[in-house]
Amino acid sequence: MFDVFIDSFGARWQDPPPPRDRAAVLTINLTNALLNPPDDPALADTVAQQTGQHPAVRDYVLATPGAARIINDAVHQLTALRTATQGRPVQLLVNCWYGRHRAPAIADAIGRRMREAGARVQVTHHHINRPPVPRKHPRPGCPFCRIIHDGAPAEIVREWPDALAILPRADQHGRRGCTDGHLLVLPRGHVADFTVDPVVSATVQLRAADLARQLGGQWNYLTSCGPDASQTVFHLHGHLVPRRAGDGLALPWTHPTPRTGAAR
């Protein structure tokens, strides 16, 4: 019979662990508390294929600044809650974004400490075997990564901590995009398209919506996934296309568009 249940999971999957019967619950959200190992460009590509139970990944997470304090605080809180519940079980929910690296490593470490203190502990990793985490640091050969990280030429219209808006590159006639005022909004982290990471996709659309509201007027917001959908640059970007009566742009888009020169 267990008296401490520790459940790790990934918030990205929108499938949290079920509550344990009669258990008092504590939660730890690591999404913004600890660096995600696959987002560290100093780590090898293989880390994205590994989990928080691989020794190298586990040691990396546990050595991250702040990890020791998180573990110590959780142990103290669980110990106090066990005393207060007088025999009822307690449940600790530990989440990161994908549930593959940080949450399992921290959950296992807390479980070990609780066992050392005499608790009967069950640790369950609900999403540790879900698909590998996409890396978001710059990709060689990506034209948008070169703009964001290497200072490649671009006309930047607006910048935010997590995104920027630029003018499309000019075609042979000097036209930029499908209509006058066409803008591209792209995340600073490399994400291939809007299906890869819903939080990044939502952030790009949020920035695009704020920019369109500030500029005023009427707009289309479009994005693409895959070459058959006319995507030519495989770094997520949203098109902000201003619309005016008689602008000559018909939707849905076809390939090629009436005006060339806009990345899709």
Protein backbone atom coordinates (compact mmCIF):
# COMPACT_ATOMS: atom_id res chain seq x y z
CA MET A 1 0.00 0.00 0.00
CA PHE A 2 1.51 3.32 -1.07
CA ASP A 3 1.11 6.48 0.94
CA VAL A 4 2.88 8.84 -1.53
CA PHE A 5 2.05 8.97 -5.24
CA ILE A 6 4.31 11.03 -7.49
CA ASP A 7 3.06 11.53 -11.05
CA SER A 8 5.11 13.26 -13.75
CA PHE A 9 3.47 14.44 -16.96
CA GLY A 10 3.68 16.88 -19.85
CA ALA A 11 1.29 19.84 -19.87
CA ARG A 12 1.57 19.99 -23.67
CA TRP A 13 -0.51 16.81 -24.03
CA GLN A 14 -3.50 18.18 -22.08
CA ASP A 15 -3.88 14.81 -20.40
CA PRO A 16 -3.04 15.22 -16.70
CA PRO A 17 -2.86 12.20 -14.39
CA PRO A 18 -6.10 11.27 -12.64
CA PRO A 19 -6.43 12.07 -8.92
CA ARG A 20 -5.53 9.29 -6.52
CA ASP A 21 -8.35 8.15 -4.30
CA ARG A 22 -8.71 10.41 -1.25
CA ALA A 23 -5.22 11.81 -1.79
CA ALA A 24 -4.21 15.33 -0.80
CA VAL A 25 -2.51 16.97 -3.79
CA LEU A 26 0.57 19.13 -4.30
CA THR A 27 1.77 20.40 -7.69
CA ILE A 28 5.08 21.51 -9.21
CA ASN A 29 5.21 23.20 -12.63
CA LEU A 30 8.72 23.08 -14.10
CA THR A 31 7.86 24.51 -17.52
CA ASN A 32 9.44 27.90 -16.84
CA ALA A 33 11.44 26.94 -13.75
CA LEU A 34 14.25 24.88 -15.29
CA LEU A 35 15.99 24.95 -18.66
CA ASN A 36 14.70 22.24 -21.00
CA PRO A 37 17.71 20.07 -21.99
CA PRO A 38 16.84 19.87 -25.73
CA ASP A 39 16.73 23.69 -25.86
CA ASP A 40 20.37 23.92 -24.80
CA PRO A 41 22.44 24.19 -28.02
CA ALA A 42 25.50 22.92 -26.15
CA LEU A 43 23.93 19.47 -25.81
CA ALA A 44 24.18 16.76 -28.43
CA ASP A 45 21.26 16.08 -30.78
CA THR A 46 20.78 12.68 -29.14
CA VAL A 47 19.49 14.33 -25.94
CA ALA A 48 16.18 15.05 -27.67
CA GLN A 49 15.77 11.29 -28.15
CA GLN A 50 16.55 10.52 -24.49
CA THR A 51 14.51 10.99 -21.31
CA GLY A 52 15.03 12.17 -17.76
CA GLN A 53 15.85 8.62 -16.76
CA HIS A 54 18.99 8.52 -18.91
CA PRO A 55 21.93 9.26 -16.60
CA ALA A 56 23.33 12.18 -18.63
CA VAL A 57 19.95 13.91 -18.91
CA ARG A 58 19.06 13.20 -15.27
CA ASP A 59 22.38 14.64 -14.06
CA TYR A 60 21.94 17.71 -16.29
CA VAL A 61 18.46 18.43 -14.90
CA LEU A 62 19.48 17.88 -11.28
CA ALA A 63 22.50 20.17 -11.71
CA THR A 64 20.40 23.00 -13.19
CA PRO A 65 20.30 26.05 -10.89
CA GLY A 66 17.14 25.89 -8.82
CA ALA A 67 16.63 22.13 -9.09
CA ALA A 68 17.99 21.32 -5.61
CA ARG A 69 15.73 23.92 -4.00
CA ILE A 70 12.68 22.55 -5.86
CA ILE A 71 13.44 19.03 -4.63
CA ASN A 72 14.11 20.12 -1.04
CA ASP A 73 10.92 22.20 -0.90
CA ALA A 74 8.86 19.33 -2.29
CA VAL A 75 10.25 16.87 0.25
CA HIS A 76 9.48 19.24 3.13
CA GLN A 77 5.96 19.93 1.84
CA LEU A 78 5.17 16.27 1.26
CA THR A 79 6.46 15.37 4.71
CA ALA A 80 4.32 18.04 6.34
CA LEU A 81 1.26 17.05 4.30
CA ARG A 82 1.67 13.37 5.22
CA THR A 83 1.63 14.36 8.88
CA ALA A 84 -1.38 16.63 8.47
CA THR A 85 -3.50 14.09 6.56
CA GLN A 86 -3.15 11.48 9.33
CA GLY A 87 -2.94 8.38 7.20
CA ARG A 88 -4.52 9.60 3.98
CA PRO A 89 -2.29 9.26 0.91
CA VAL A 90 -0.70 12.29 -0.71
CA GLN A 91 -0.14 12.92 -4.41
CA LEU A 92 2.51 15.11 -6.02
CA LEU A 93 1.95 16.20 -9.63
CA VAL A 94 5.17 17.25 -11.38
CA ASN A 95 4.89 18.65 -14.89
CA CYS A 96 7.12 20.17 -17.52
CA TRP A 97 6.02 20.91 -21.07
CA TYR A 98 6.59 17.56 -22.80
CA GLY A 99 6.96 15.31 -19.75
CA ARG A 100 10.11 13.59 -21.03
CA HIS A 101 13.08 15.27 -19.33
CA ARG A 102 12.66 17.67 -16.43
CA ALA A 103 9.54 16.28 -14.78
CA PRO A 104 10.69 12.61 -14.70
CA ALA A 105 14.14 13.53 -13.39
CA ILE A 106 12.76 15.74 -10.62
CA ALA A 107 9.96 13.29 -9.76
CA ASP A 108 12.44 10.40 -9.40
CA ALA A 109 14.73 12.50 -7.21
CA ILE A 110 11.86 13.47 -4.90
CA GLY A 111 10.73 9.85 -4.79
CA ARG A 112 14.19 8.69 -3.72
CA ARG A 113 14.31 11.26 -0.93
CA MET A 114 10.86 10.30 0.32
CA ARG A 115 11.75 6.59 0.36
CA GLU A 116 14.86 7.42 2.37
CA ALA A 117 12.55 9.12 4.87
CA GLY A 118 10.48 5.94 5.22
CA ALA A 119 7.56 6.70 2.86
CA ARG A 120 6.02 4.07 0.63
CA VAL A 121 6.29 5.77 -2.75
CA GLN A 122 4.97 5.04 -6.23
CA VAL A 123 6.41 7.17 -9.05
CA THR A 124 4.63 7.09 -12.41
CA HIS A 125 5.78 8.87 -15.58
CA HIS A 126 2.71 9.35 -17.75
CA HIS A 127 4.25 10.93 -20.87
CA ILE A 128 7.89 9.91 -20.79
CA ASN A 129 7.49 7.82 -23.95
CA ARG A 130 5.62 10.41 -26.01
CA PRO A 131 7.29 11.73 -29.21
CA PRO A 132 10.71 13.37 -28.92
CA VAL A 133 10.88 17.04 -28.09
CA PRO A 134 11.63 19.36 -31.04
CA ARG A 135 14.75 21.47 -30.56
CA LYS A 136 14.22 25.19 -30.97
CA HIS A 137 17.74 26.59 -31.30
CA PRO A 138 18.99 27.89 -34.66
CA ARG A 139 19.14 25.58 -37.67
CA PRO A 140 21.98 25.89 -40.18
CA GLY A 141 20.67 27.00 -43.54
CA CYS A 142 17.40 28.43 -42.21
CA PRO A 143 17.00 31.96 -43.65
CA PHE A 144 14.85 33.13 -40.73
CA CYS A 145 17.34 31.79 -38.16
CA ARG A 146 20.05 33.73 -39.98
CA ILE A 147 17.99 36.91 -39.62
CA ILE A 148 17.19 36.29 -35.95
CA HIS A 149 20.54 35.03 -34.72
CA ASP A 150 23.20 36.03 -37.25
CA GLY A 151 22.10 39.51 -38.27
CA ALA A 152 21.29 38.63 -41.88
CA PRO A 153 19.69 41.58 -43.74
CA ALA A 154 15.97 42.07 -43.18
CA GLU A 155 13.57 44.95 -42.68
CA ILE A 156 12.35 44.41 -39.13
CA VAL A 157 9.03 46.08 -38.40
CA ARG A 158 8.47 45.03 -34.77
CA GLU A 159 10.38 43.00 -32.17
CA TRP A 160 9.23 41.15 -29.06
CA PRO A 161 11.17 38.91 -26.64
CA ASP A 162 9.79 35.79 -28.35
CA ALA A 163 9.06 36.90 -31.94
CA LEU A 164 9.62 39.52 -34.60
CA ALA A 165 7.79 40.90 -37.62
CA ILE A 166 9.60 41.53 -40.91
CA LEU A 167 8.80 42.56 -44.45
CA PRO A 168 8.89 39.74 -47.02
CA ARG A 169 11.91 39.70 -49.32
CA ALA A 170 11.49 41.69 -52.51
CA ASP A 171 10.89 39.97 -55.84
CA GLN A 172 12.61 40.90 -59.10
CA HIS A 173 10.23 43.83 -59.48
CA GLY A 174 10.88 45.15 -55.99
CA ARG A 175 7.47 44.10 -54.67
CA ARG A 176 7.20 42.67 -51.17
CA GLY A 177 4.51 40.10 -50.60
CA CYS A 178 0.99 39.71 -51.90
CA THR A 179 -0.33 43.18 -51.08
CA ASP A 180 1.23 46.42 -49.91
CA GLY A 181 1.94 46.11 -46.19
CA HIS A 182 2.28 42.30 -46.17
CA LEU A 183 4.23 41.24 -43.03
CA LEU A 184 5.72 38.00 -41.70
CA VAL A 185 5.61 37.22 -37.97
CA LEU A 186 8.03 34.52 -36.82
CA PRO A 187 9.19 33.04 -33.52
CA ARG A 188 12.77 33.49 -32.36
CA GLY A 189 13.05 29.78 -31.62
CA HIS A 190 13.21 27.44 -34.62
CA VAL A 191 9.92 25.57 -35.01
CA ALA A 192 9.25 24.03 -38.40
CA ASP A 193 5.54 24.84 -38.70
CA PHE A 194 2.41 25.54 -36.68
CA THR A 195 1.78 21.85 -35.86
CA VAL A 196 5.06 21.30 -34.00
CA ASP A 197 4.48 23.25 -30.79
CA PRO A 198 1.07 24.75 -30.04
CA VAL A 199 2.40 27.24 -27.51
CA VAL A 200 4.87 28.72 -29.98
CA SER A 201 2.17 28.79 -32.66
CA ALA A 202 -0.21 30.56 -30.31
CA THR A 203 2.48 33.07 -29.36
CA VAL A 204 3.10 33.95 -33.01
CA GLN A 205 -0.60 34.46 -33.62
CA LEU A 206 -0.89 36.56 -30.46
CA ARG A 207 1.91 38.85 -31.65
CA ALA A 208 0.39 39.05 -35.12
CA ALA A 209 -3.02 39.91 -33.68
CA ASP A 210 -1.60 42.65 -31.48
CA LEU A 211 0.35 44.12 -34.38
CA ALA A 212 -2.66 44.08 -36.73
CA ARG A 213 -4.80 45.77 -34.08
CA GLN A 214 -2.18 48.49 -33.57
CA LEU A 215 -1.81 49.09 -37.30
CA GLY A 216 -5.55 49.08 -37.94
CA GLY A 217 -7.36 48.03 -41.09
CA GLN A 218 -8.53 44.66 -42.39
CA TRP A 219 -6.29 41.61 -42.52
CA ASN A 220 -5.90 37.95 -43.39
CA TYR A 221 -3.73 35.86 -41.08
CA LEU A 222 -2.43 32.68 -42.71
CA THR A 223 0.24 30.08 -42.06
CA SER A 224 1.28 26.86 -43.78
CA CYS A 225 2.50 23.35 -42.97
CA GLY A 226 4.37 21.43 -45.66
CA PRO A 227 5.39 21.91 -49.28
CA ASP A 228 2.01 20.82 -50.63
CA ALA A 229 0.52 23.71 -48.65
CA SER A 230 2.97 26.08 -50.40
CA GLN A 231 5.37 26.33 -47.43
CA THR A 232 8.82 27.20 -48.78
CA VAL A 233 10.64 28.27 -45.61
CA PHE A 234 10.42 25.62 -42.89
CA HIS A 235 10.53 27.97 -39.93
CA LEU A 236 7.08 28.78 -38.58
CA HIS A 237 5.81 32.15 -39.74
CA GLY A 238 2.42 33.79 -39.95
CA HIS A 239 1.43 36.01 -42.87
CA LEU A 240 -0.30 39.24 -41.99
CA VAL A 241 -1.88 40.34 -45.26
CA PRO A 242 -3.68 43.69 -45.33
CA ARG A 243 -6.83 43.65 -47.45
CA ARG A 244 -8.44 46.46 -49.39
CA ALA A 245 -11.24 46.55 -51.92
CA GLY A 246 -9.86 45.80 -55.38
CA ASP A 247 -6.43 44.58 -54.16
CA GLY A 248 -6.62 41.71 -56.67
CA LEU A 249 -5.77 38.95 -54.19
CA ALA A 250 -8.08 35.95 -54.34
CA LEU A 251 -8.33 33.43 -51.52
CA PRO A 252 -7.74 30.58 -51.06
CA TRP A 253 -4.20 31.13 -52.22
CA THR A 254 -2.95 29.19 -55.18
CA HIS A 255 0.64 28.56 -56.21
CA PRO A 256 2.07 30.74 -57.63
CA THR A 257 0.39 33.76 -56.05
CA PRO A 258 -0.42 36.90 -58.06
CA ARG A 259 2.72 38.46 -56.58
CA THR A 260 5.81 36.42 -55.90
CA GLY A 261 8.54 37.04 -53.39
CA ALA A 262 6.78 36.18 -50.13
CA ALA A 263 8.01 33.20 -48.14
CA ARG A 264 5.25 30.73 -47.44
